[in-house]
PDB file of all heavy atoms in Angstrom:
ATOM      1  N   GLY A   1     -60.279  79.993 -47.239  1.00  0.00           N
ATOM      2  CA  GLY A   1     -61.098  79.445 -48.179  1.00  0.00           C
ATOM      3  C   GLY A   1     -62.249  78.591 -47.654  1.00  0.00           C
ATOM      4  O   GLY A   1     -62.825  78.780 -46.653  1.00  0.00           O
ATOM      5  N   GLU A   2     -62.569  77.595 -48.509  1.00  0.00           N
ATOM      6  CA  GLU A   2     -63.562  76.623 -48.074  1.00  0.00           C
ATOM      7  C   GLU A   2     -63.140  75.698 -46.955  1.00  0.00           C
ATOM      8  O   GLU A   2     -63.931  75.213 -46.152  1.00  0.00           O
ATOM      9  CB  GLU A   2     -63.935  75.657 -49.246  1.00  0.00           C
ATOM     10  CG  GLU A   2     -64.433  76.483 -50.436  1.00  0.00           C
ATOM     11  CD  GLU A   2     -64.799  75.476 -51.542  1.00  0.00           C
ATOM     12  OE1 GLU A   2     -64.361  74.294 -51.508  1.00  0.00           O
ATOM     13  OE2 GLU A   2     -65.373  75.923 -52.586  1.00  0.00           O
ATOM     14  N   ASN A   3     -61.826  75.632 -46.555  1.00  0.00           N
ATOM     15  CA  ASN A   3     -61.268  74.809 -45.529  1.00  0.00           C
ATOM     16  C   ASN A   3     -61.200  75.563 -44.197  1.00  0.00           C
ATOM     17  O   ASN A   3     -60.726  75.082 -43.198  1.00  0.00           O
ATOM     18  CB  ASN A   3     -59.871  74.214 -45.908  1.00  0.00           C
ATOM     19  CG  ASN A   3     -59.962  73.359 -47.081  1.00  0.00           C
ATOM     20  OD1 ASN A   3     -60.859  72.716 -47.357  1.00  0.00           O
ATOM     21  ND2 ASN A   3     -58.915  73.475 -47.842  1.00  0.00           N
ATOM     22  N   SER A   4     -61.723  76.821 -44.207  1.00  0.00           N
ATOM     23  CA  SER A   4     -61.577  77.583 -42.873  1.00  0.00           C
ATOM     24  C   SER A   4     -62.738  77.256 -41.993  1.00  0.00           C
ATOM     25  O   SER A   4     -63.747  77.072 -42.358  1.00  0.00           O
ATOM     26  CB  SER A   4     -61.722  79.117 -43.257  1.00  0.00           C
ATOM     27  OG  SER A   4     -63.077  79.428 -43.909  1.00  0.00           O
ATOM     28  N   VAL A   5     -62.322  77.022 -40.766  1.00  0.00           N
ATOM     29  CA  VAL A   5     -63.170  76.534 -39.675  1.00  0.00           C
ATOM     30  C   VAL A   5     -62.952  77.557 -38.469  1.00  0.00           C
ATOM     31  O   VAL A   5     -61.748  77.846 -38.117  1.00  0.00           O
ATOM     32  CB  VAL A   5     -63.006  75.095 -39.390  1.00  0.00           C
ATOM     33  CG1 VAL A   5     -63.509  74.290 -40.418  1.00  0.00           C
ATOM     34  CG2 VAL A   5     -61.633  74.856 -39.007  1.00  0.00           C
ATOM     35  N   PRO A   6     -63.979  77.893 -37.762  1.00  0.00           N
ATOM     36  CA  PRO A   6     -63.874  78.652 -36.524  1.00  0.00           C
ATOM     37  C   PRO A   6     -63.277  77.865 -35.344  1.00  0.00           C
ATOM     38  O   PRO A   6     -63.691  76.654 -35.159  1.00  0.00           O
ATOM     39  CB  PRO A   6     -65.227  79.176 -36.218  1.00  0.00           C
ATOM     40  CG  PRO A   6     -66.194  78.183 -36.826  1.00  0.00           C
ATOM     41  CD  PRO A   6     -65.376  77.667 -37.993  1.00  0.00           C
ATOM     42  N   VAL A   7     -62.354  78.345 -34.645  1.00  0.00           N
ATOM     43  CA  VAL A   7     -61.751  77.714 -33.573  1.00  0.00           C
ATOM     44  C   VAL A   7     -61.853  78.505 -32.270  1.00  0.00           C
ATOM     45  O   VAL A   7     -61.512  79.733 -32.355  1.00  0.00           O
ATOM     46  CB  VAL A   7     -60.225  77.324 -33.809  1.00  0.00           C
ATOM     47  CG1 VAL A   7     -59.675  76.573 -32.663  1.00  0.00           C
ATOM     48  CG2 VAL A   7     -60.173  76.393 -35.097  1.00  0.00           C
ATOM     49  N   LYS A   8     -62.449  77.879 -31.203  1.00  0.00           N
ATOM     50  CA  LYS A   8     -62.541  78.684 -30.007  1.00  0.00           C
ATOM     51  C   LYS A   8     -61.408  78.434 -29.044  1.00  0.00           C
ATOM     52  O   LYS A   8     -60.872  77.278 -28.899  1.00  0.00           O
ATOM     53  CB  LYS A   8     -63.824  78.313 -29.335  1.00  0.00           C
ATOM     54  CG  LYS A   8     -65.116  78.738 -30.091  1.00  0.00           C
ATOM     55  CD  LYS A   8     -66.347  78.383 -29.316  1.00  0.00           C
ATOM     56  CE  LYS A   8     -67.627  78.949 -29.995  1.00  0.00           C
ATOM     57  NZ  LYS A   8     -68.864  78.651 -29.257  1.00  0.00           N
ATOM     58  N   TYR A   9     -60.918  79.425 -28.495  1.00  0.00           N
ATOM     59  CA  TYR A   9     -59.780  79.402 -27.380  1.00  0.00           C
ATOM     60  C   TYR A   9     -60.351  80.006 -26.064  1.00  0.00           C
ATOM     61  O   TYR A   9     -61.176  80.913 -26.067  1.00  0.00           O
ATOM     62  CB  TYR A   9     -58.641  80.237 -27.936  1.00  0.00           C
ATOM     63  CG  TYR A   9     -58.047  79.601 -29.113  1.00  0.00           C
ATOM     64  CD1 TYR A   9     -58.289  79.951 -30.452  1.00  0.00           C
ATOM     65  CD2 TYR A   9     -56.993  78.631 -28.945  1.00  0.00           C
ATOM     66  CE1 TYR A   9     -57.631  79.453 -31.461  1.00  0.00           C
ATOM     67  CE2 TYR A   9     -56.326  78.073 -30.057  1.00  0.00           C
ATOM     68  CZ  TYR A   9     -56.679  78.425 -31.363  1.00  0.00           C
ATOM     69  OH  TYR A   9     -56.071  77.876 -32.448  1.00  0.00           O
ATOM     70  N   SER A  10     -59.793  79.486 -24.994  1.00  0.00           N
ATOM     71  CA  SER A  10     -60.130  79.942 -23.703  1.00  0.00           C
ATOM     72  C   SER A  10     -59.030  80.656 -22.995  1.00  0.00           C
ATOM     73  O   SER A  10     -57.971  80.447 -23.439  1.00  0.00           O
ATOM     74  CB  SER A  10     -60.617  78.739 -22.822  1.00  0.00           C
ATOM     75  OG  SER A  10     -61.746  78.079 -23.326  1.00  0.00           O
ATOM     76  N   ILE A  11     -59.418  81.616 -22.191  1.00  0.00           N
ATOM     77  CA  ILE A  11     -58.382  82.401 -21.381  1.00  0.00           C
ATOM     78  C   ILE A  11     -58.691  82.066 -19.980  1.00  0.00           C
ATOM     79  O   ILE A  11     -59.796  82.173 -19.440  1.00  0.00           O
ATOM     80  CB  ILE A  11     -58.573  83.903 -21.723  1.00  0.00           C
ATOM     81  CG1 ILE A  11     -58.375  84.216 -23.151  1.00  0.00           C
ATOM     82  CG2 ILE A  11     -57.622  84.658 -20.821  1.00  0.00           C
ATOM     83  CD1 ILE A  11     -58.609  85.530 -23.594  1.00  0.00           C
ATOM     84  N   ASP A  12     -57.634  81.735 -19.271  1.00  0.00           N
ATOM     85  CA  ASP A  12     -57.629  81.551 -17.855  1.00  0.00           C
ATOM     86  C   ASP A  12     -56.326  82.067 -17.172  1.00  0.00           C
ATOM     87  O   ASP A  12     -55.326  81.275 -17.224  1.00  0.00           O
ATOM     88  CB  ASP A  12     -57.864  80.031 -17.546  1.00  0.00           C
ATOM     89  CG  ASP A  12     -58.225  79.719 -16.118  1.00  0.00           C
ATOM     90  OD1 ASP A  12     -58.223  80.770 -15.273  1.00  0.00           O
ATOM     91  OD2 ASP A  12     -58.393  78.590 -15.768  1.00  0.00           O
ATOM     92  N   ARG A  13     -56.438  83.210 -16.620  1.00  0.00           N
ATOM     93  CA  ARG A  13     -55.220  83.746 -16.071  1.00  0.00           C
ATOM     94  C   ARG A  13     -55.525  84.395 -14.749  1.00  0.00           C
ATOM     95  O   ARG A  13     -56.687  84.646 -14.324  1.00  0.00           O
ATOM     96  CB  ARG A  13     -54.712  84.965 -17.003  1.00  0.00           C
ATOM     97  CG  ARG A  13     -54.299  84.532 -18.342  1.00  0.00           C
ATOM     98  CD  ARG A  13     -53.089  83.805 -18.398  1.00  0.00           C
ATOM     99  NE  ARG A  13     -52.784  83.444 -19.923  1.00  0.00           N
ATOM    100  CZ  ARG A  13     -51.963  84.156 -20.657  1.00  0.00           C
ATOM    101  NH1 ARG A  13     -51.426  85.342 -20.121  1.00  0.00           N
ATOM    102  NH2 ARG A  13     -51.753  83.817 -21.937  1.00  0.00           N
ATOM    103  N   THR A  14     -54.515  84.524 -13.907  1.00  0.00           N
ATOM    104  CA  THR A  14     -54.572  85.245 -12.651  1.00  0.00           C
ATOM    105  C   THR A  14     -53.553  86.301 -12.653  1.00  0.00           C
ATOM    106  O   THR A  14     -52.320  86.143 -12.815  1.00  0.00           O
ATOM    107  CB  THR A  14     -54.301  84.195 -11.499  1.00  0.00           C
ATOM    108  OG1 THR A  14     -55.387  83.207 -11.555  1.00  0.00           O
ATOM    109  CG2 THR A  14     -54.487  84.815 -10.113  1.00  0.00           C
ATOM    110  N   ALA A  15     -53.973  87.600 -12.352  1.00  0.00           N
ATOM    111  CA  ALA A  15     -53.093  88.660 -12.306  1.00  0.00           C
ATOM    112  C   ALA A  15     -53.123  89.379 -10.875  1.00  0.00           C
ATOM    113  O   ALA A  15     -54.111  89.354 -10.319  1.00  0.00           O
ATOM    114  CB  ALA A  15     -53.537  89.740 -13.336  1.00  0.00           C
ATOM    115  N   ASP A  16     -51.892  89.605 -10.410  1.00  0.00           N
ATOM    116  CA  ASP A  16     -51.751  90.230  -9.196  1.00  0.00           C
ATOM    117  C   ASP A  16     -51.413  91.701  -9.216  1.00  0.00           C
ATOM    118  O   ASP A  16     -51.155  92.337  -8.175  1.00  0.00           O
ATOM    119  CB  ASP A  16     -50.635  89.453  -8.273  1.00  0.00           C
ATOM    120  CG  ASP A  16     -49.418  89.434  -9.059  1.00  0.00           C
ATOM    121  OD1 ASP A  16     -49.356  89.872 -10.241  1.00  0.00           O
ATOM    122  OD2 ASP A  16     -48.293  89.005  -8.451  1.00  0.00           O
ATOM    123  N   ARG A  17     -51.462  92.283 -10.412  1.00  0.00           N
ATOM    124  CA  ARG A  17     -51.174  93.652 -10.631  1.00  0.00           C
ATOM    125  C   ARG A  17     -51.861  94.125 -11.831  1.00  0.00           C
ATOM    126  O   ARG A  17     -52.275  93.426 -12.796  1.00  0.00           O
ATOM    127  CB  ARG A  17     -49.631  93.988 -10.801  1.00  0.00           C
ATOM    128  CG  ARG A  17     -49.110  93.115 -11.915  1.00  0.00           C
ATOM    129  CD  ARG A  17     -47.699  93.298 -12.051  1.00  0.00           C
ATOM    130  NE  ARG A  17     -47.058  92.415 -13.082  1.00  0.00           N
ATOM    131  CZ  ARG A  17     -47.138  92.629 -14.387  1.00  0.00           C
ATOM    132  NH1 ARG A  17     -47.734  93.609 -14.821  1.00  0.00           N
ATOM    133  NH2 ARG A  17     -46.619  91.737 -15.201  1.00  0.00           N
ATOM    134  N   MET A  18     -52.067  95.480 -12.007  1.00  0.00           N
ATOM    135  CA  MET A  18     -52.565  96.086 -13.106  1.00  0.00           C
ATOM    136  C   MET A  18     -51.605  97.265 -13.447  1.00  0.00           C
ATOM    137  O   MET A  18     -51.149  97.965 -12.580  1.00  0.00           O
ATOM    138  CB  MET A  18     -54.030  96.610 -12.824  1.00  0.00           C
ATOM    139  CG  MET A  18     -55.014  95.578 -12.763  1.00  0.00           C
ATOM    140  SD  MET A  18     -55.354  94.872 -14.405  1.00  0.00           S
ATOM    141  CE  MET A  18     -56.436  93.381 -13.913  1.00  0.00           C
ATOM    142  N   PRO A  19     -51.354  97.534 -14.750  1.00  0.00           N
ATOM    143  CA  PRO A  19     -51.952  96.858 -15.990  1.00  0.00           C
ATOM    144  C   PRO A  19     -51.439  95.536 -16.151  1.00  0.00           C
ATOM    145  O   PRO A  19     -50.289  95.133 -15.713  1.00  0.00           O
ATOM    146  CB  PRO A  19     -51.471  97.797 -17.052  1.00  0.00           C
ATOM    147  CG  PRO A  19     -50.291  98.530 -16.607  1.00  0.00           C
ATOM    148  CD  PRO A  19     -50.417  98.612 -15.066  1.00  0.00           C
ATOM    149  N   TYR A  20     -52.109  94.740 -16.946  1.00  0.00           N
ATOM    150  CA  TYR A  20     -51.868  93.390 -17.230  1.00  0.00           C
ATOM    151  C   TYR A  20     -52.190  93.077 -18.795  1.00  0.00           C
ATOM    152  O   TYR A  20     -53.203  93.552 -19.249  1.00  0.00           O
ATOM    153  CB  TYR A  20     -52.633  92.445 -16.418  1.00  0.00           C
ATOM    154  CG  TYR A  20     -52.301  90.995 -16.542  1.00  0.00           C
ATOM    155  CD1 TYR A  20     -51.157  90.402 -15.896  1.00  0.00           C
ATOM    156  CD2 TYR A  20     -53.013  90.101 -17.257  1.00  0.00           C
ATOM    157  CE1 TYR A  20     -50.812  89.182 -15.935  1.00  0.00           C
ATOM    158  CE2 TYR A  20     -52.802  88.779 -17.322  1.00  0.00           C
ATOM    159  CZ  TYR A  20     -51.592  88.338 -16.669  1.00  0.00           C
ATOM    160  OH  TYR A  20     -51.288  86.960 -16.768  1.00  0.00           O
ATOM    161  N   THR A  21     -51.198  92.403 -19.429  1.00  0.00           N
ATOM    162  CA  THR A  21     -51.376  92.038 -20.766  1.00  0.00           C
ATOM    163  C   THR A  21     -51.462  90.602 -21.002  1.00  0.00           C
ATOM    164  O   THR A  21     -50.880  89.792 -20.338  1.00  0.00           O
ATOM    165  CB  THR A  21     -50.192  92.527 -21.678  1.00  0.00           C
ATOM    166  OG1 THR A  21     -49.016  91.955 -21.161  1.00  0.00           O
ATOM    167  CG2 THR A  21     -50.031  94.046 -21.578  1.00  0.00           C
ATOM    168  N   ILE A  22     -52.401  90.187 -22.035  1.00  0.00           N
ATOM    169  CA  ILE A  22     -52.539  88.816 -22.399  1.00  0.00           C
ATOM    170  C   ILE A  22     -52.289  88.654 -23.890  1.00  0.00           C
ATOM    171  O   ILE A  22     -52.930  89.362 -24.693  1.00  0.00           O
ATOM    172  CB  ILE A  22     -53.965  88.446 -22.141  1.00  0.00           C
ATOM    173  CG1 ILE A  22     -54.332  88.656 -20.623  1.00  0.00           C
ATOM    174  CG2 ILE A  22     -54.220  86.996 -22.446  1.00  0.00           C
ATOM    175  CD1 ILE A  22     -55.747  88.406 -20.292  1.00  0.00           C
ATOM    176  N   ASN A  23     -51.246  87.869 -24.194  1.00  0.00           N
ATOM    177  CA  ASN A  23     -50.904  87.617 -25.609  1.00  0.00           C
ATOM    178  C   ASN A  23     -51.775  86.541 -26.127  1.00  0.00           C
ATOM    179  O   ASN A  23     -51.777  85.429 -25.733  1.00  0.00           O
ATOM    180  CB  ASN A  23     -49.474  87.319 -25.665  1.00  0.00           C
ATOM    181  CG  ASN A  23     -48.527  88.349 -25.404  1.00  0.00           C
ATOM    182  OD1 ASN A  23     -48.781  89.596 -25.578  1.00  0.00           O
ATOM    183  ND2 ASN A  23     -47.324  88.088 -24.729  1.00  0.00           N
ATOM    184  N   THR A  24     -52.586  86.827 -27.223  1.00  0.00           N
ATOM    185  CA  THR A  24     -53.422  85.865 -27.814  1.00  0.00           C
ATOM    186  C   THR A  24     -53.141  85.956 -29.385  1.00  0.00           C
ATOM    187  O   THR A  24     -52.419  86.875 -29.854  1.00  0.00           O
ATOM    188  CB  THR A  24     -54.839  86.172 -27.584  1.00  0.00           C
ATOM    189  OG1 THR A  24     -55.193  87.465 -28.216  1.00  0.00           O
ATOM    190  CG2 THR A  24     -55.103  86.252 -26.124  1.00  0.00           C
ATOM    191  N   SER A  25     -53.726  84.945 -30.016  1.00  0.00           N
ATOM    192  CA  SER A  25     -53.567  84.978 -31.483  1.00  0.00           C
ATOM    193  C   SER A  25     -54.331  86.031 -32.256  1.00  0.00           C
ATOM    194  O   SER A  25     -54.105  86.259 -33.391  1.00  0.00           O
ATOM    195  CB  SER A  25     -54.057  83.523 -32.038  1.00  0.00           C
ATOM    196  OG  SER A  25     -55.340  83.309 -31.696  1.00  0.00           O
ATOM    197  N   ILE A  26     -55.277  86.704 -31.458  1.00  0.00           N
ATOM    198  CA  ILE A  26     -56.047  87.774 -32.108  1.00  0.00           C
ATOM    199  C   ILE A  26     -55.588  89.173 -31.720  1.00  0.00           C
ATOM    200  O   ILE A  26     -56.070  90.171 -32.026  1.00  0.00           O
ATOM    201  CB  ILE A  26     -57.531  87.694 -31.743  1.00  0.00           C
ATOM    202  CG1 ILE A  26     -57.693  87.801 -30.165  1.00  0.00           C
ATOM    203  CG2 ILE A  26     -58.186  86.400 -32.299  1.00  0.00           C
ATOM    204  CD1 ILE A  26     -59.096  87.851 -29.656  1.00  0.00           C
ATOM    205  N   GLY A  27     -54.469  89.197 -30.923  1.00  0.00           N
ATOM    206  CA  GLY A  27     -53.730  90.427 -30.589  1.00  0.00           C
ATOM    207  C   GLY A  27     -53.422  90.499 -29.102  1.00  0.00           C
ATOM    208  O   GLY A  27     -53.655  89.546 -28.412  1.00  0.00           O
ATOM    209  N   ILE A  28     -52.969  91.572 -28.647  1.00  0.00           N
ATOM    210  CA  ILE A  28     -52.489  91.751 -27.283  1.00  0.00           C
ATOM    211  C   ILE A  28     -53.584  92.484 -26.479  1.00  0.00           C
ATOM    212  O   ILE A  28     -53.947  93.617 -26.782  1.00  0.00           O
ATOM    213  CB  ILE A  28     -51.291  92.605 -27.216  1.00  0.00           C
ATOM    214  CG1 ILE A  28     -50.137  91.870 -27.975  1.00  0.00           C
ATOM    215  CG2 ILE A  28     -50.846  92.768 -25.767  1.00  0.00           C
ATOM    216  CD1 ILE A  28     -48.812  92.680 -28.017  1.00  0.00           C
ATOM    217  N   ILE A  29     -54.229  91.766 -25.498  1.00  0.00           N
ATOM    218  CA  ILE A  29     -55.283  92.372 -24.739  1.00  0.00           C
ATOM    219  C   ILE A  29     -54.677  93.032 -23.572  1.00  0.00           C
ATOM    220  O   ILE A  29     -53.847  92.342 -22.833  1.00  0.00           O
ATOM    221  CB  ILE A  29     -56.304  91.251 -24.318  1.00  0.00           C
ATOM    222  CG1 ILE A  29     -56.901  90.496 -25.568  1.00  0.00           C
ATOM    223  CG2 ILE A  29     -57.390  91.896 -23.399  1.00  0.00           C
ATOM    224  CD1 ILE A  29     -57.817  89.422 -25.170  1.00  0.00           C
ATOM    225  N   THR A  30     -54.951  94.262 -23.320  1.00  0.00           N
ATOM    226  CA  THR A  30     -54.395  95.043 -22.324  1.00  0.00           C
ATOM    227  C   THR A  30     -55.478  95.402 -21.258  1.00  0.00           C
ATOM    228  O   THR A  30     -56.603  95.989 -21.618  1.00  0.00           O
ATOM    229  CB  THR A  30     -53.717  96.376 -22.771  1.00  0.00           C
ATOM    230  OG1 THR A  30     -52.781  96.004 -23.710  1.00  0.00           O
ATOM    231  CG2 THR A  30     -53.056  97.208 -21.542  1.00  0.00           C
ATOM    232  N   LEU A  31     -55.227  95.081 -19.978  1.00  0.00           N
ATOM    233  CA  LEU A  31     -56.150  95.462 -18.841  1.00  0.00           C
ATOM    234  C   LEU A  31     -55.520  96.362 -17.954  1.00  0.00           C
ATOM    235  O   LEU A  31     -54.309  96.244 -17.559  1.00  0.00           O
ATOM    236  CB  LEU A  31     -56.589  94.221 -18.112  1.00  0.00           C
ATOM    237  CG  LEU A  31     -57.252  93.130 -18.984  1.00  0.00           C
ATOM    238  CD1 LEU A  31     -57.390  91.872 -18.044  1.00  0.00           C
ATOM    239  CD2 LEU A  31     -58.622  93.496 -19.512  1.00  0.00           C
ATOM    240  N   LYS A  32     -56.173  97.473 -17.624  1.00  0.00           N
ATOM    241  CA  LYS A  32     -55.570  98.363 -16.668  1.00  0.00           C
ATOM    242  C   LYS A  32     -56.640  99.026 -15.644  1.00  0.00           C
ATOM    243  O   LYS A  32     -57.848  99.131 -16.215  1.00  0.00           O
ATOM    244  CB  LYS A  32     -54.878  99.474 -17.407  1.00  0.00           C
ATOM    245  CG  LYS A  32     -55.718 100.288 -18.329  1.00  0.00           C
ATOM    246  CD  LYS A  32     -54.837 101.475 -19.042  1.00  0.00           C
ATOM    247  CE  LYS A  32     -55.794 102.160 -19.932  1.00  0.00           C
ATOM    248  NZ  LYS A  32     -54.905 103.220 -20.739  1.00  0.00           N
ATOM    249  N   ARG A  33     -56.206  99.310 -14.625  1.00  0.00           N
ATOM    250  CA  ARG A  33     -57.083  99.912 -13.582  1.00  0.00           C
ATOM    251  C   ARG A  33     -57.415 101.449 -13.939  1.00  0.00           C
ATOM    252  O   ARG A  33     -56.395 102.154 -14.354  1.00  0.00           O
ATOM    253  CB  ARG A  33     -56.513  99.803 -12.239  1.00  0.00           C
ATOM    254  CG  ARG A  33     -57.483 100.257 -11.043  1.00  0.00           C
ATOM    255  CD  ARG A  33     -56.724 100.112  -9.757  1.00  0.00           C
ATOM    256  NE  ARG A  33     -56.361  98.641  -9.514  1.00  0.00           N
ATOM    257  CZ  ARG A  33     -55.502  98.353  -8.681  1.00  0.00           C
ATOM    258  NH1 ARG A  33     -54.743  99.243  -7.993  1.00  0.00           N
ATOM    259  NH2 ARG A  33     -55.209  97.047  -8.371  1.00  0.00           N
ATOM    260  N   THR A  34     -58.648 101.875 -13.705  1.00  0.00           N
ATOM    261  CA  THR A  34     -58.979 103.254 -13.947  1.00  0.00           C
ATOM    262  C   THR A  34     -58.966 103.989 -12.680  1.00  0.00           C
ATOM    263  O   THR A  34     -58.648 103.476 -11.577  1.00  0.00           O
ATOM    264  CB  THR A  34     -60.258 103.359 -14.606  1.00  0.00           C
ATOM    265  OG1 THR A  34     -61.319 102.746 -13.767  1.00  0.00           O
ATOM    266  CG2 THR A  34     -60.339 102.483 -16.019  1.00  0.00           C
ATOM    267  N   THR A  35     -59.345 105.299 -12.741  1.00  0.00           N
ATOM    268  CA  THR A  35     -59.313 106.179 -11.601  1.00  0.00           C
ATOM    269  C   THR A  35     -60.740 106.042 -10.790  1.00  0.00           C
ATOM    270  O   THR A  35     -60.917 106.610  -9.740  1.00  0.00           O
ATOM    271  CB  THR A  35     -59.163 107.725 -11.980  1.00  0.00           C
ATOM    272  OG1 THR A  35     -60.208 107.929 -12.987  1.00  0.00           O
ATOM    273  CG2 THR A  35     -57.726 107.756 -12.564  1.00  0.00           C
ATOM    274  N   ALA A  36     -61.499 105.200 -11.441  1.00  0.00           N
ATOM    275  CA  ALA A  36     -62.900 104.965 -10.721  1.00  0.00           C
ATOM    276  C   ALA A  36     -62.658 104.099  -9.619  1.00  0.00           C
ATOM    277  O   ALA A  36     -61.532 103.627  -9.233  1.00  0.00           O
ATOM    278  CB  ALA A  36     -63.861 104.452 -11.736  1.00  0.00           C
ATOM    279  N   LYS A  37     -63.835 103.780  -8.941  1.00  0.00           N
ATOM    280  CA  LYS A  37     -63.691 102.820  -7.779  1.00  0.00           C
ATOM    281  C   LYS A  37     -63.194 101.407  -8.154  1.00  0.00           C
ATOM    282  O   LYS A  37     -63.385 101.085  -9.339  1.00  0.00           O
ATOM    283  CB  LYS A  37     -65.140 102.716  -7.134  1.00  0.00           C
ATOM    284  CG  LYS A  37     -66.191 102.207  -8.102  1.00  0.00           C
ATOM    285  CD  LYS A  37     -67.537 102.147  -7.478  1.00  0.00           C
ATOM    286  CE  LYS A  37     -68.510 101.597  -8.387  1.00  0.00           C
ATOM    287  NZ  LYS A  37     -69.914 101.493  -7.865  1.00  0.00           N
ATOM    288  N   THR A  38     -62.601 100.766  -7.220  1.00  0.00           N
ATOM    289  CA  THR A  38     -62.074  99.523  -7.475  1.00  0.00           C
ATOM    290  C   THR A  38     -63.181  98.408  -7.467  1.00  0.00           C
ATOM    291  O   THR A  38     -64.315  98.607  -6.963  1.00  0.00           O
ATOM    292  CB  THR A  38     -61.038  99.099  -6.367  1.00  0.00           C
ATOM    293  OG1 THR A  38     -61.690  99.137  -5.117  1.00  0.00           O
ATOM    294  CG2 THR A  38     -59.934 100.069  -6.387  1.00  0.00           C
ATOM    295  N   LEU A  39     -62.825  97.266  -8.031  1.00  0.00           N
ATOM    296  CA  LEU A  39     -63.768  96.178  -8.149  1.00  0.00           C
ATOM    297  C   LEU A  39     -63.753  95.475  -6.869  1.00  0.00           C
ATOM    298  O   LEU A  39     -62.838  95.009  -6.313  1.00  0.00           O
ATOM    299  CB  LEU A  39     -63.309  95.179  -9.267  1.00  0.00           C
ATOM    300  CG  LEU A  39     -64.157  93.997  -9.582  1.00  0.00           C
ATOM    301  CD1 LEU A  39     -65.584  94.550 -10.115  1.00  0.00           C
ATOM    302  CD2 LEU A  39     -63.615  93.128 -10.551  1.00  0.00           C
ATOM    303  N   PRO A  40     -65.009  95.371  -6.159  1.00  0.00           N
ATOM    304  CA  PRO A  40     -65.098  94.840  -4.812  1.00  0.00           C
ATOM    305  C   PRO A  40     -64.767  93.292  -4.912  1.00  0.00           C
ATOM    306  O   PRO A  40     -64.881  92.641  -5.973  1.00  0.00           O
ATOM    307  CB  PRO A  40     -66.579  94.942  -4.456  1.00  0.00           C
ATOM    308  CG  PRO A  40     -67.059  96.067  -5.393  1.00  0.00           C
ATOM    309  CD  PRO A  40     -66.346  95.958  -6.669  1.00  0.00           C
TER     310      PRO A  40
END
């Protein structure tokens, strides 16, 4: 209601493998490697 305020949250993770999941209050973020070229 009137007492609602936006709150910002930061993400700071280090992953040594893919796929990788990040549990947050807005849901589960899933990161996975594709068949395309790798990130240099």
